[in-house]
Amino acid sequence: MPTELTGREALALRMTSLLLRPHPTAAAAGVADVVEWFGAMQAQDLASGMWSLGVRLPALGHADVHAALERREALRTWPMRGTVHLVPPRDARWMLELTGVRSLAGAATRRARLGLTEADVHRALDVLGAALAGGGRLTRARCLAALNAAGIDTGDQRGYHLLWYASVRGVTCLAPNVGTEQTFALLDEWAPEPRRPERDEALAMLARRYVRGHGPVTAREFAGWTGLTLTDARRGFAAAGDALAVVRVDGEEAHVDAALLDAPRAPLDDLMVLPGFDEYLLGFKDRALMLDPAHSDAIVPGRNGVFRATIVRDGRVVGTWQRTVGKSRVTVTVSPLVPLDEPSRGRVEGALSRYAGFLGLPLRVDWAD
């Protein structure tokens, strides 16, 4: 019989899966370990992606994480859902081929609206390939300049579409920023030794990673995370075999990493500050375990896809925070979503101090209420 879990117990296991609490088997000592654990980590906003790593690697500062990305412990590309994630370099190509290409379904329609032809697209791939060959790394502006010089108009979002398309097709990837400027490199040069799993093996690998990094979860959640069909999501779960254990969460069947069944399920009075674009929320379609539906609009104002950074206590969202980074300090404005007494506010400020330490800057906290 599957293990029966309450919602609170499932949330406790989920926080452990997310590496936001100590895990009985994960040994995440560096950036490569964390990214490998998840398989893909939301990173469309680079600052959020950096803190997603930092919060799980308390011994590292921002400069350490940036150095790890320069060592190619992970790279950023568009492996699924048309959004940027951090992925292990050797897994980028098969993930693009398995899930990334699904975002190309509407690309032709989009190109027609932008006034781009198929010839323009193929020419752009050739131009970017030549400009970046030999280990080169170019800023976004220089990539666009190369396209313009070749007679390809990059105005009116055409340039963004072409850069995105080149990465989804596996020609380029996002390299670490130079200062504040986004840079691109050739995927084959940035990740020269790719894994080449067969399709069922790839589905199983992705399913195992998703479940171990997010479970308890359902096949529907896996399909939502990857953009795969529900049929392929279930196929991946089946192919993952005994690595996944079946549990029931408030009566609904879900899957969890089999190694996690003996992990503590008791509520913990922990408190942390997480970036807006973190797997904690972005890794799920159904966020009811973590987020009161009444607070959804506060997390994604206007439902425009831009997530605010969250304050999380015992696995549940209790507030949001917004940062302003200056040269001499970081200023954070905190907006509680539930009443927070003075001791709780002190804990929030303590958690924010850790974030400021990650940046290497003094902290100022303003309370919005």
Protein backbone atom coordinates (compact mmCIF):
# COMPACT_ATOMS: atom_id res chain seq x y z
CA MET A 1 0.00 0.00 0.00
CA PRO A 2 1.27 3.51 -0.79
CA THR A 3 2.37 5.60 2.16
CA GLU A 4 -0.38 8.03 3.18
CA LEU A 5 0.74 11.65 3.66
CA THR A 6 -1.10 14.71 4.85
CA GLY A 7 -0.57 17.96 2.98
CA ARG A 8 1.71 19.18 5.78
CA GLU A 9 3.81 16.02 5.62
CA ALA A 10 4.02 16.25 1.84
CA LEU A 11 5.15 19.87 2.12
CA ALA A 12 7.89 18.87 4.56
CA LEU A 13 9.18 16.27 2.09
CA ARG A 14 8.88 18.73 -0.79
CA MET A 15 11.06 21.28 1.02
CA THR A 16 13.64 18.53 1.49
CA SER A 17 13.43 17.56 -2.18
CA LEU A 18 13.99 21.20 -3.13
CA LEU A 19 17.23 21.18 -1.08
CA LEU A 20 15.78 23.87 1.16
CA ARG A 21 16.15 21.50 4.12
CA PRO A 22 18.84 18.86 4.80
CA HIS A 23 18.46 15.88 2.50
CA PRO A 24 19.40 12.33 3.60
CA THR A 25 21.20 11.42 0.37
CA ALA A 26 22.00 14.61 -1.59
CA ALA A 27 25.56 15.87 -1.29
CA ALA A 28 25.33 19.33 -2.84
CA ALA A 29 28.79 20.80 -2.35
CA GLY A 30 28.84 23.08 -5.39
CA VAL A 31 26.95 24.59 -8.29
CA ALA A 32 27.34 21.53 -10.51
CA ASP A 33 25.86 19.29 -7.79
CA VAL A 34 22.78 21.45 -7.28
CA VAL A 35 22.04 21.88 -10.98
CA GLU A 36 22.59 18.17 -11.62
CA TRP A 37 20.20 17.37 -8.75
CA PHE A 38 17.35 19.32 -10.31
CA GLY A 39 18.23 18.66 -13.93
CA ALA A 40 17.06 22.17 -14.75
CA MET A 41 16.62 25.24 -12.54
CA GLN A 42 14.55 28.26 -13.49
CA ALA A 43 16.94 31.11 -14.37
CA GLN A 44 15.20 33.49 -16.77
CA ASP A 45 16.14 36.25 -14.34
CA LEU A 46 19.87 35.90 -13.74
CA ALA A 47 19.87 37.56 -10.31
CA SER A 48 17.17 35.14 -9.17
CA GLY A 49 19.09 32.19 -10.58
CA MET A 50 22.23 33.22 -8.73
CA TRP A 51 20.39 33.41 -5.38
CA SER A 52 18.58 30.11 -6.10
CA LEU A 53 22.05 28.58 -6.05
CA GLY A 54 23.28 30.71 -3.17
CA VAL A 55 20.42 29.84 -0.84
CA ARG A 56 21.20 26.14 -1.34
CA LEU A 57 24.98 26.62 -1.06
CA PRO A 58 25.43 28.76 2.07
CA ALA A 59 29.22 28.56 1.93
CA LEU A 60 29.32 30.37 -1.44
CA GLY A 61 29.03 34.04 -2.27
CA HIS A 62 27.90 35.65 -5.50
CA ALA A 63 31.47 35.78 -6.86
CA ASP A 64 31.91 32.06 -6.10
CA VAL A 65 28.75 31.15 -8.02
CA HIS A 66 29.77 33.34 -10.95
CA ALA A 67 33.21 31.68 -10.99
CA ALA A 68 31.55 28.24 -11.05
CA LEU A 69 29.50 29.28 -14.08
CA GLU A 70 32.67 30.54 -15.75
CA ARG A 71 34.14 27.06 -15.11
CA ARG A 72 31.10 25.73 -16.97
CA GLU A 73 29.67 23.82 -14.03
CA ALA A 74 26.28 24.81 -15.50
CA LEU A 75 25.00 26.83 -18.42
CA ARG A 76 21.82 28.72 -19.23
CA THR A 77 19.61 27.96 -22.21
CA TRP A 78 15.95 27.42 -23.17
CA PRO A 79 15.44 23.68 -22.47
CA MET A 80 11.67 23.78 -21.91
CA ARG A 81 8.56 25.94 -21.78
CA GLY A 82 10.35 28.63 -23.77
CA THR A 83 12.10 29.95 -20.67
CA VAL A 84 15.71 30.07 -19.53
CA HIS A 85 17.00 27.44 -17.10
CA LEU A 86 20.34 26.41 -15.66
CA VAL A 87 21.24 22.91 -16.85
CA PRO A 88 24.27 20.61 -16.66
CA PRO A 89 26.31 21.36 -19.82
CA ARG A 90 26.45 17.74 -20.99
CA ASP A 91 22.65 17.48 -20.73
CA ALA A 92 21.76 20.67 -22.58
CA ARG A 93 21.58 19.15 -26.06
CA TRP A 94 19.37 16.15 -25.31
CA MET A 95 17.06 18.32 -23.21
CA LEU A 96 16.71 20.78 -26.07
CA GLU A 97 15.92 17.91 -28.42
CA LEU A 98 13.44 16.27 -26.01
CA THR A 99 11.57 19.22 -24.53
CA GLY A 100 13.04 22.48 -25.82
CA VAL A 101 11.96 21.97 -29.40
CA ARG A 102 8.33 21.77 -28.27
CA SER A 103 8.44 25.54 -27.82
CA LEU A 104 9.12 25.87 -31.56
CA ALA A 105 5.54 24.90 -32.41
CA GLY A 106 4.45 28.50 -32.79
CA ALA A 107 7.75 29.88 -34.06
CA ALA A 108 6.71 30.06 -37.71
CA THR A 109 3.63 32.11 -36.84
CA ARG A 110 5.71 34.38 -34.67
CA ARG A 111 8.28 34.88 -37.45
CA ALA A 112 5.53 35.75 -39.92
CA ARG A 113 4.28 38.48 -37.58
CA LEU A 114 7.82 39.80 -37.22
CA GLY A 115 8.43 39.78 -40.96
CA LEU A 116 11.15 37.12 -40.83
CA THR A 117 11.44 34.46 -43.53
CA GLU A 118 12.81 30.93 -43.26
CA ALA A 119 15.81 32.15 -45.25
CA ASP A 120 16.42 34.87 -42.62
CA VAL A 121 16.39 32.29 -39.84
CA HIS A 122 18.83 29.91 -41.52
CA ARG A 123 21.08 32.83 -42.45
CA ALA A 124 21.03 34.00 -38.82
CA LEU A 125 22.16 30.57 -37.59
CA ASP A 126 25.07 30.65 -40.06
CA VAL A 127 26.05 34.21 -39.09
CA LEU A 128 25.98 33.50 -35.33
CA GLY A 129 27.85 30.23 -35.81
CA ALA A 130 30.62 31.98 -37.73
CA ALA A 131 30.81 34.96 -35.34
CA LEU A 132 31.16 32.72 -32.28
CA ALA A 133 33.42 30.03 -33.77
CA GLY A 134 36.74 29.32 -32.11
CA GLY A 135 35.65 29.72 -28.51
CA GLY A 136 34.40 33.26 -28.92
CA ARG A 137 31.88 34.80 -26.59
CA LEU A 138 29.90 37.82 -27.71
CA THR A 139 27.57 40.13 -25.87
CA ARG A 140 23.97 40.33 -26.96
CA ALA A 141 24.68 43.71 -28.56
CA ARG A 142 27.57 42.32 -30.61
CA CYS A 143 25.49 39.32 -31.72
CA LEU A 144 22.80 41.69 -32.94
CA ALA A 145 25.43 43.83 -34.65
CA ALA A 146 26.74 40.76 -36.50
CA LEU A 147 23.23 39.94 -37.68
CA ASN A 148 22.60 43.50 -38.81
CA ALA A 149 25.92 43.59 -40.66
CA ALA A 150 24.83 40.48 -42.55
CA GLY A 151 21.68 42.29 -43.70
CA ILE A 152 19.28 40.76 -41.16
CA ASP A 153 17.11 43.42 -39.53
CA THR A 154 16.98 42.83 -35.75
CA GLY A 155 14.54 45.59 -34.87
CA ASP A 156 11.06 45.15 -33.38
CA GLN A 157 11.90 41.97 -31.42
CA ARG A 158 13.35 40.20 -34.46
CA GLY A 159 16.77 40.07 -32.83
CA TYR A 160 15.45 38.52 -29.63
CA HIS A 161 13.52 35.90 -31.63
CA LEU A 162 16.61 34.94 -33.63
CA LEU A 163 18.83 34.66 -30.55
CA TRP A 164 16.21 32.54 -28.81
CA TYR A 165 15.75 30.37 -31.89
CA ALA A 166 19.49 29.78 -32.25
CA SER A 167 19.69 28.53 -28.66
CA VAL A 168 16.60 26.32 -28.86
CA ARG A 169 18.02 24.75 -32.02
CA GLY A 170 21.22 23.98 -30.11
CA VAL A 171 23.52 26.36 -31.99
CA THR A 172 24.18 28.79 -29.14
CA CYS A 173 23.73 29.01 -25.38
CA LEU A 174 23.92 31.74 -22.77
CA ALA A 175 27.38 32.14 -21.28
CA PRO A 176 27.95 34.04 -18.01
CA ASN A 177 27.42 37.78 -18.12
CA VAL A 178 30.31 40.14 -18.68
CA GLY A 179 29.48 42.83 -16.15
CA THR A 180 25.78 43.37 -16.68
CA GLU A 181 25.82 42.30 -20.33
CA GLN A 182 24.33 39.01 -21.48
CA THR A 183 26.69 36.90 -23.59
CA PHE A 184 26.31 34.01 -26.02
CA ALA A 185 28.63 31.15 -26.99
CA LEU A 186 28.40 28.10 -29.24
CA LEU A 187 26.80 25.18 -27.43
CA ASP A 188 29.14 22.66 -29.06
CA GLU A 189 32.14 24.60 -27.76
CA TRP A 190 30.71 25.35 -24.32
CA ALA A 191 29.56 21.74 -23.82
CA PRO A 192 31.80 19.61 -26.04
CA GLU A 193 31.00 16.21 -24.47
CA PRO A 194 27.20 15.86 -24.52
CA ARG A 195 25.29 12.88 -23.22
CA ARG A 196 23.35 11.05 -25.93
CA PRO A 197 20.56 9.07 -24.23
CA GLU A 198 17.87 7.28 -26.19
CA ARG A 199 14.44 8.89 -25.90
CA ASP A 200 13.03 6.55 -23.22
CA GLU A 201 16.26 6.85 -21.24
CA ALA A 202 16.03 10.64 -21.50
CA LEU A 203 12.40 10.61 -20.31
CA ALA A 204 13.36 8.41 -17.36
CA MET A 205 16.33 10.58 -16.45
CA LEU A 206 14.28 13.75 -16.55
CA ALA A 207 11.47 12.15 -14.54
CA ARG A 208 13.87 10.95 -11.84
CA ARG A 209 15.43 14.38 -11.54
CA TYR A 210 12.13 16.19 -11.44
CA VAL A 211 10.72 13.91 -8.76
CA ARG A 212 13.82 13.92 -6.59
CA GLY A 213 14.04 17.71 -6.81
CA HIS A 214 10.33 18.49 -6.31
CA GLY A 215 8.45 15.47 -4.95
CA PRO A 216 5.87 14.51 -3.95
CA VAL A 217 4.51 15.34 -7.41
CA THR A 218 2.14 13.92 -10.01
CA ALA A 219 2.69 13.13 -13.68
CA ARG A 220 0.53 16.17 -14.47
CA GLU A 221 3.03 18.37 -12.63
CA PHE A 222 5.90 16.78 -14.53
CA ALA A 223 4.12 17.45 -17.82
CA GLY A 224 3.56 21.06 -16.78
CA TRP A 225 7.20 21.53 -15.78
CA THR A 226 8.64 20.06 -18.97
CA GLY A 227 5.98 20.97 -21.51
CA LEU A 228 5.74 17.27 -22.43
CA THR A 229 2.45 15.58 -23.17
CA LEU A 230 0.83 13.78 -20.25
CA THR A 231 1.41 10.52 -22.14
CA ASP A 232 5.16 11.15 -22.28
CA ALA A 233 5.18 12.31 -18.66
CA ARG A 234 3.61 9.02 -17.55
CA ARG A 235 6.01 7.14 -19.80
CA GLY A 236 8.91 8.86 -18.06
CA PHE A 237 7.57 7.96 -14.63
CA ALA A 238 7.15 4.33 -15.68
CA ALA A 239 10.66 4.21 -17.17
CA ALA A 240 12.14 5.64 -13.95
CA GLY A 241 11.12 2.41 -12.23
CA ASP A 242 11.98 1.74 -8.60
CA ALA A 243 13.74 5.09 -8.20
CA LEU A 244 10.26 6.55 -7.67
CA ALA A 245 7.95 5.58 -4.82
CA VAL A 246 4.17 6.00 -4.87
CA VAL A 247 2.56 7.91 -2.02
CA ARG A 248 -0.91 9.34 -1.46
CA VAL A 249 -1.21 13.00 -0.51
CA ASP A 250 -4.60 13.74 0.99
CA GLY A 251 -5.94 10.81 -1.02
CA GLU A 252 -4.30 11.67 -4.36
CA GLU A 253 -1.56 9.48 -5.83
CA ALA A 254 1.83 11.15 -6.21
CA HIS A 255 5.48 10.12 -6.61
CA VAL A 256 8.50 10.85 -4.50
CA ASP A 257 12.17 9.87 -4.55
CA ALA A 258 12.25 6.43 -2.94
CA ALA A 259 15.27 7.52 -0.87
CA LEU A 260 13.16 10.22 0.76
CA LEU A 261 10.51 8.00 2.33
CA ASP A 262 12.39 7.85 5.63
CA ALA A 263 13.09 11.60 5.75
CA PRO A 264 11.49 13.67 8.55
CA ARG A 265 7.93 14.76 7.78
CA ALA A 266 7.30 16.89 10.83
CA PRO A 267 6.70 20.62 10.34
CA LEU A 268 9.79 22.75 10.88
CA ASP A 269 9.74 26.35 12.02
CA ASP A 270 12.33 27.46 9.49
CA LEU A 271 12.33 30.80 7.68
CA MET A 272 14.06 31.74 4.45
CA VAL A 273 14.00 34.35 1.71
CA LEU A 274 13.79 32.99 -1.81
CA PRO A 275 14.08 34.65 -5.21
CA GLY A 276 10.97 35.12 -7.29
CA PHE A 277 12.00 32.77 -10.08
CA ASP A 278 12.82 29.70 -8.01
CA GLU A 279 11.86 26.06 -8.40
CA TYR A 280 10.02 26.43 -5.07
CA LEU A 281 7.09 27.99 -6.96
CA LEU A 282 8.04 27.80 -10.66
CA GLY A 283 8.49 24.03 -10.44
CA PHE A 284 4.76 23.43 -9.93
CA LYS A 285 1.44 24.23 -11.56
CA ASP A 286 -0.49 23.53 -8.36
CA ARG A 287 1.10 25.64 -5.63
CA ALA A 288 -1.57 25.15 -2.97
CA LEU A 289 0.79 23.35 -0.59
CA MET A 290 3.08 26.38 -0.48
CA LEU A 291 0.86 29.35 -1.28
CA ASP A 292 -2.54 30.50 -0.06
CA PRO A 293 -4.54 31.13 -3.26
CA ALA A 294 -5.64 34.44 -1.75
CA HIS A 295 -2.02 35.60 -2.00
CA SER A 296 -1.46 34.61 -5.63
CA ASP A 297 -1.96 38.13 -6.98
CA ALA A 298 0.60 39.48 -4.49
CA ILE A 299 3.18 37.01 -5.81
CA VAL A 300 2.42 37.59 -9.52
CA PRO A 301 0.83 41.05 -9.73
CA GLY A 302 -1.32 41.35 -12.82
CA ARG A 303 -0.65 37.66 -13.53
CA ASN A 304 2.04 38.76 -15.98
CA GLY A 305 4.46 35.91 -15.29
CA VAL A 306 6.82 38.05 -13.20
CA PHE A 307 7.13 36.44 -9.76
CA ARG A 308 8.08 38.44 -6.69
CA ALA A 309 10.68 37.16 -4.27
CA THR A 310 9.10 35.34 -1.32
CA ILE A 311 9.50 35.01 2.43
CA VAL A 312 8.84 31.39 3.37
CA ARG A 313 8.12 30.12 6.89
CA ASP A 314 7.64 26.41 7.51
CA GLY A 315 7.30 25.89 3.76
CA ARG A 316 4.52 28.46 3.27
CA VAL A 317 4.73 31.92 1.70
CA VAL A 318 4.19 34.60 4.35
CA GLY A 319 5.47 37.70 2.54
CA THR A 320 7.33 39.20 -0.40
CA TRP A 321 10.51 41.27 -0.67
CA GLN A 322 11.92 43.60 -3.28
CA ARG A 323 15.55 44.61 -3.49
CA THR A 324 17.43 47.62 -4.75
CA VAL A 325 21.15 46.98 -5.16
CA GLY A 326 23.39 50.02 -4.93
CA LYS A 327 27.13 50.38 -4.93
CA SER A 328 27.37 50.65 -1.15
CA ARG A 329 24.40 48.60 0.11
CA VAL A 330 21.34 46.55 -0.76
CA THR A 331 17.98 47.93 0.32
CA VAL A 332 15.12 45.47 0.75
CA THR A 333 11.45 46.35 1.17
CA VAL A 334 9.44 43.66 2.95
CA SER A 335 5.68 43.26 2.45
CA PRO A 336 4.09 40.76 4.89
CA LEU A 337 1.13 38.73 3.69
CA VAL A 338 0.30 37.46 7.18
CA PRO A 339 0.82 39.11 10.58
CA LEU A 340 4.46 38.91 11.65
CA ASP A 341 5.35 39.68 15.26
CA GLU A 342 8.61 41.32 16.28
CA PRO A 343 10.54 38.06 16.78
CA SER A 344 9.39 36.89 13.31
CA ARG A 345 10.46 40.20 11.79
CA GLY A 346 13.84 39.76 13.39
CA ARG A 347 14.14 36.35 11.76
CA VAL A 348 13.18 37.83 8.39
CA GLU A 349 15.90 40.43 8.75
CA GLY A 350 18.34 37.71 9.73
CA ALA A 351 17.49 35.74 6.58
CA LEU A 352 17.89 38.90 4.49
CA SER A 353 21.27 39.49 6.11
CA ARG A 354 22.38 36.18 4.68
CA TYR A 355 21.27 37.35 1.25
CA ALA A 356 23.16 40.62 1.68
CA GLY A 357 26.21 38.60 2.72
CA PHE A 358 25.88 36.58 -0.47
CA LEU A 359 26.13 39.85 -2.40
CA GLY A 360 28.89 41.15 -0.13
CA LEU A 361 26.95 44.32 0.72
CA PRO A 362 25.54 45.93 3.88
CA LEU A 363 21.77 45.61 4.31
CA ARG A 364 18.97 48.06 4.91
CA VAL A 365 15.44 46.71 5.53
CA ASP A 366 12.25 48.74 5.11
CA TRP A 367 8.88 47.32 6.14
CA ALA A 368 6.03 48.21 3.77
CA ASP A 369 3.36 48.00 6.49
